[in-house]
Amino acid sequence: MEKRTFKITLADGTALEGLTLNGNNYISDKKVTEDVFRDNLSKVTIEGPDGAQEHENMKLVQICKVGTKYWFILADKTADEVAKEAMEAKMNEMKQAMKVLLTGEV
């Protein structure tokens, strides 16, 4: 049986190639760390034997090293998670604006 392999392209163009899939775990022979995914999952393309899928707003669920391989799970963020992140970003902007208004510090 032919090995089914996948390619994942992240928002910055980083490509993780030659991945296999076990359940919802992608498995890489090459070192993969959390840093690869940090702030890099706003747009993700997953290509496999059945075609390509475009995703927006994904999250890294877990990543671990098992033997010599790196296993990781990506998932789409829920609408609630996206809304919460947008609210937190707006709150941080408002805090910064208040700081500037009250202290004059930028």
C-alpha atoms as a PDB file:
ATOM      1  CA  MET A   1       0.000   0.000   0.000  1.00  0.00           C
ATOM      2  CA  GLU A   2       1.316   3.414  -0.967  1.00  0.00           C
ATOM      3  CA  LYS A   3       2.139   5.763   1.885  1.00  0.00           C
ATOM      4  CA  ARG A   4      -0.253   8.749   1.974  1.00  0.00           C
ATOM      5  CA  THR A   5       1.702  11.943   2.552  1.00  0.00           C
ATOM      6  CA  PHE A   6       0.603  15.489   3.245  1.00  0.00           C
ATOM      7  CA  LYS A   7       2.019  18.980   2.895  1.00  0.00           C
ATOM      8  CA  ILE A   8       1.019  21.839   5.191  1.00  0.00           C
ATOM      9  CA  THR A   9       1.782  25.406   4.147  1.00  0.00           C
ATOM     10  CA  LEU A  10       1.538  28.041   6.889  1.00  0.00           C
ATOM     11  CA  ALA A  11       0.665  31.750   6.635  1.00  0.00           C
ATOM     12  CA  ASP A  12       4.291  32.859   6.130  1.00  0.00           C
ATOM     13  CA  GLY A  13       4.865  30.289   3.375  1.00  0.00           C
ATOM     14  CA  THR A  14       6.666  27.755   5.569  1.00  0.00           C
ATOM     15  CA  ALA A  15       5.995  24.297   4.120  1.00  0.00           C
ATOM     16  CA  LEU A  16       5.988  21.122   6.188  1.00  0.00           C
ATOM     17  CA  GLU A  17       6.308  18.292   3.684  1.00  0.00           C
ATOM     18  CA  GLY A  18       6.336  14.512   3.720  1.00  0.00           C
ATOM     19  CA  LEU A  19       3.910  14.331   6.639  1.00  0.00           C
ATOM     20  CA  THR A  20       1.928  11.205   7.394  1.00  0.00           C
ATOM     21  CA  LEU A  21      -1.371  11.132   9.252  1.00  0.00           C
ATOM     22  CA  ASN A  22      -2.400   8.937  12.178  1.00  0.00           C
ATOM     23  CA  GLY A  23      -5.919   9.831  13.288  1.00  0.00           C
ATOM     24  CA  ASN A  24      -5.740  13.612  13.593  1.00  0.00           C
ATOM     25  CA  ASN A  25      -1.976  13.658  14.273  1.00  0.00           C
ATOM     26  CA  TYR A  26       0.381  14.780  11.543  1.00  0.00           C
ATOM     27  CA  ILE A  27       3.751  13.057  11.840  1.00  0.00           C
ATOM     28  CA  SER A  28       7.037  14.526  10.649  1.00  0.00           C
ATOM     29  CA  ASP A  29      10.455  12.916  10.367  1.00  0.00           C
ATOM     30  CA  LYS A  30      11.942  16.422  10.609  1.00  0.00           C
ATOM     31  CA  LYS A  31      12.053  18.525  13.768  1.00  0.00           C
ATOM     32  CA  VAL A  32       8.916  20.625  14.237  1.00  0.00           C
ATOM     33  CA  THR A  33       8.497  22.960  17.224  1.00  0.00           C
ATOM     34  CA  GLU A  34       5.813  25.302  18.564  1.00  0.00           C
ATOM     35  CA  ASP A  35       7.824  28.241  17.208  1.00  0.00           C
ATOM     36  CA  VAL A  36       7.027  27.175  13.631  1.00  0.00           C
ATOM     37  CA  PHE A  37       3.305  27.645  14.331  1.00  0.00           C
ATOM     38  CA  ARG A  38       3.388  30.740  16.591  1.00  0.00           C
ATOM     39  CA  ASP A  39       1.444  33.599  14.928  1.00  0.00           C
ATOM     40  CA  ASN A  40       1.522  31.554  11.713  1.00  0.00           C
ATOM     41  CA  LEU A  41      -1.863  29.822  11.589  1.00  0.00           C
ATOM     42  CA  SER A  42      -4.089  32.603  10.251  1.00  0.00           C
ATOM     43  CA  LYS A  43      -4.030  30.874   6.853  1.00  0.00           C
ATOM     44  CA  VAL A  44      -3.131  27.208   6.412  1.00  0.00           C
ATOM     45  CA  THR A  45      -3.240  25.018   3.311  1.00  0.00           C
ATOM     46  CA  ILE A  46      -3.277  21.257   3.764  1.00  0.00           C
ATOM     47  CA  GLU A  47      -2.525  19.259   0.624  1.00  0.00           C
ATOM     48  CA  GLY A  48      -2.941  15.521   0.452  1.00  0.00           C
ATOM     49  CA  PRO A  49      -3.885  12.666  -1.848  1.00  0.00           C
ATOM     50  CA  ASP A  50      -7.516  13.842  -1.934  1.00  0.00           C
ATOM     51  CA  GLY A  51      -6.751  17.477  -2.827  1.00  0.00           C
ATOM     52  CA  ALA A  52      -6.106  20.715  -0.959  1.00  0.00           C
ATOM     53  CA  GLN A  53      -8.012  22.379   1.865  1.00  0.00           C
ATOM     54  CA  GLU A  54      -7.711  26.034   2.863  1.00  0.00           C
ATOM     55  CA  HIS A  55      -8.167  26.907   6.535  1.00  0.00           C
ATOM     56  CA  GLU A  56      -8.237  30.214   8.371  1.00  0.00           C
ATOM     57  CA  ASN A  57      -7.695  30.785  12.074  1.00  0.00           C
ATOM     58  CA  MET A  58      -6.283  27.426  13.082  1.00  0.00           C
ATOM     59  CA  LYS A  59      -4.677  26.546  16.404  1.00  0.00           C
ATOM     60  CA  LEU A  60      -1.974  24.135  17.498  1.00  0.00           C
ATOM     61  CA  VAL A  61      -3.665  21.663  19.822  1.00  0.00           C
ATOM     62  CA  GLN A  62      -0.535  19.737  20.772  1.00  0.00           C
ATOM     63  CA  ILE A  63       2.940  18.861  19.616  1.00  0.00           C
ATOM     64  CA  CYS A  64       5.257  16.202  20.983  1.00  0.00           C
ATOM     65  CA  LYS A  65       8.260  14.117  20.069  1.00  0.00           C
ATOM     66  CA  VAL A  66       7.681  10.371  19.948  1.00  0.00           C
ATOM     67  CA  GLY A  67      10.898   8.484  19.369  1.00  0.00           C
ATOM     68  CA  THR A  68      12.546  10.230  16.432  1.00  0.00           C
ATOM     69  CA  LYS A  69       9.333  11.689  15.003  1.00  0.00           C
ATOM     70  CA  TYR A  70       7.343  14.825  15.770  1.00  0.00           C
ATOM     71  CA  TRP A  71       3.586  14.515  16.141  1.00  0.00           C
ATOM     72  CA  PHE A  72       1.251  17.514  16.060  1.00  0.00           C
ATOM     73  CA  ILE A  73      -2.439  18.313  15.837  1.00  0.00           C
ATOM     74  CA  LEU A  74      -3.947  21.391  14.179  1.00  0.00           C
ATOM     75  CA  ALA A  75      -7.612  22.353  14.509  1.00  0.00           C
ATOM     76  CA  ASP A  76      -9.854  25.162  13.343  1.00  0.00           C
ATOM     77  CA  LYS A  77     -10.627  27.725  16.035  1.00  0.00           C
ATOM     78  CA  THR A  78     -14.266  27.925  17.023  1.00  0.00           C
ATOM     79  CA  ALA A  79     -16.278  31.076  16.331  1.00  0.00           C
ATOM     80  CA  ASP A  80     -16.222  31.775  20.089  1.00  0.00           C
ATOM     81  CA  GLU A  81     -12.417  31.539  20.202  1.00  0.00           C
ATOM     82  CA  VAL A  82     -12.080  33.943  17.265  1.00  0.00           C
ATOM     83  CA  ALA A  83     -14.545  36.392  18.866  1.00  0.00           C
ATOM     84  CA  LYS A  84     -12.753  36.201  22.230  1.00  0.00           C
ATOM     85  CA  GLU A  85      -9.375  36.934  20.602  1.00  0.00           C
ATOM     86  CA  ALA A  86     -10.858  39.912  18.736  1.00  0.00           C
ATOM     87  CA  MET A  87     -12.362  41.249  21.980  1.00  0.00           C
ATOM     88  CA  GLU A  88      -9.038  40.841  23.815  1.00  0.00           C
ATOM     89  CA  ALA A  89      -7.214  42.686  21.023  1.00  0.00           C
ATOM     90  CA  LYS A  90      -9.699  45.572  21.228  1.00  0.00           C
ATOM     91  CA  MET A  91      -9.371  45.700  25.018  1.00  0.00           C
ATOM     92  CA  ASN A  92      -5.584  45.876  24.723  1.00  0.00           C
ATOM     93  CA  GLU A  93      -5.894  48.729  22.211  1.00  0.00           C
ATOM     94  CA  MET A  94      -8.206  50.579  24.592  1.00  0.00           C
ATOM     95  CA  LYS A  95      -5.807  50.044  27.512  1.00  0.00           C
ATOM     96  CA  GLN A  96      -2.958  51.447  25.452  1.00  0.00           C
ATOM     97  CA  ALA A  97      -5.048  54.460  24.393  1.00  0.00           C
ATOM     98  CA  MET A  98      -6.029  55.145  28.020  1.00  0.00           C
ATOM     99  CA  LYS A  99      -2.390  54.932  29.099  1.00  0.00           C
ATOM    100  CA  VAL A 100      -1.411  57.497  26.467  1.00  0.00           C
ATOM    101  CA  LEU A 101      -4.286  59.796  27.445  1.00  0.00           C
ATOM    102  CA  LEU A 102      -3.609  59.569  31.178  1.00  0.00           C
ATOM    103  CA  THR A 103       0.191  59.543  31.252  1.00  0.00           C
ATOM    104  CA  GLY A 104       1.301  60.845  27.887  1.00  0.00           C
ATOM    105  CA  GLU A 105       3.504  57.743  27.524  1.00  0.00           C
ATOM    106  CA  VAL A 106       3.516  56.041  24.164  1.00  0.00           C
END
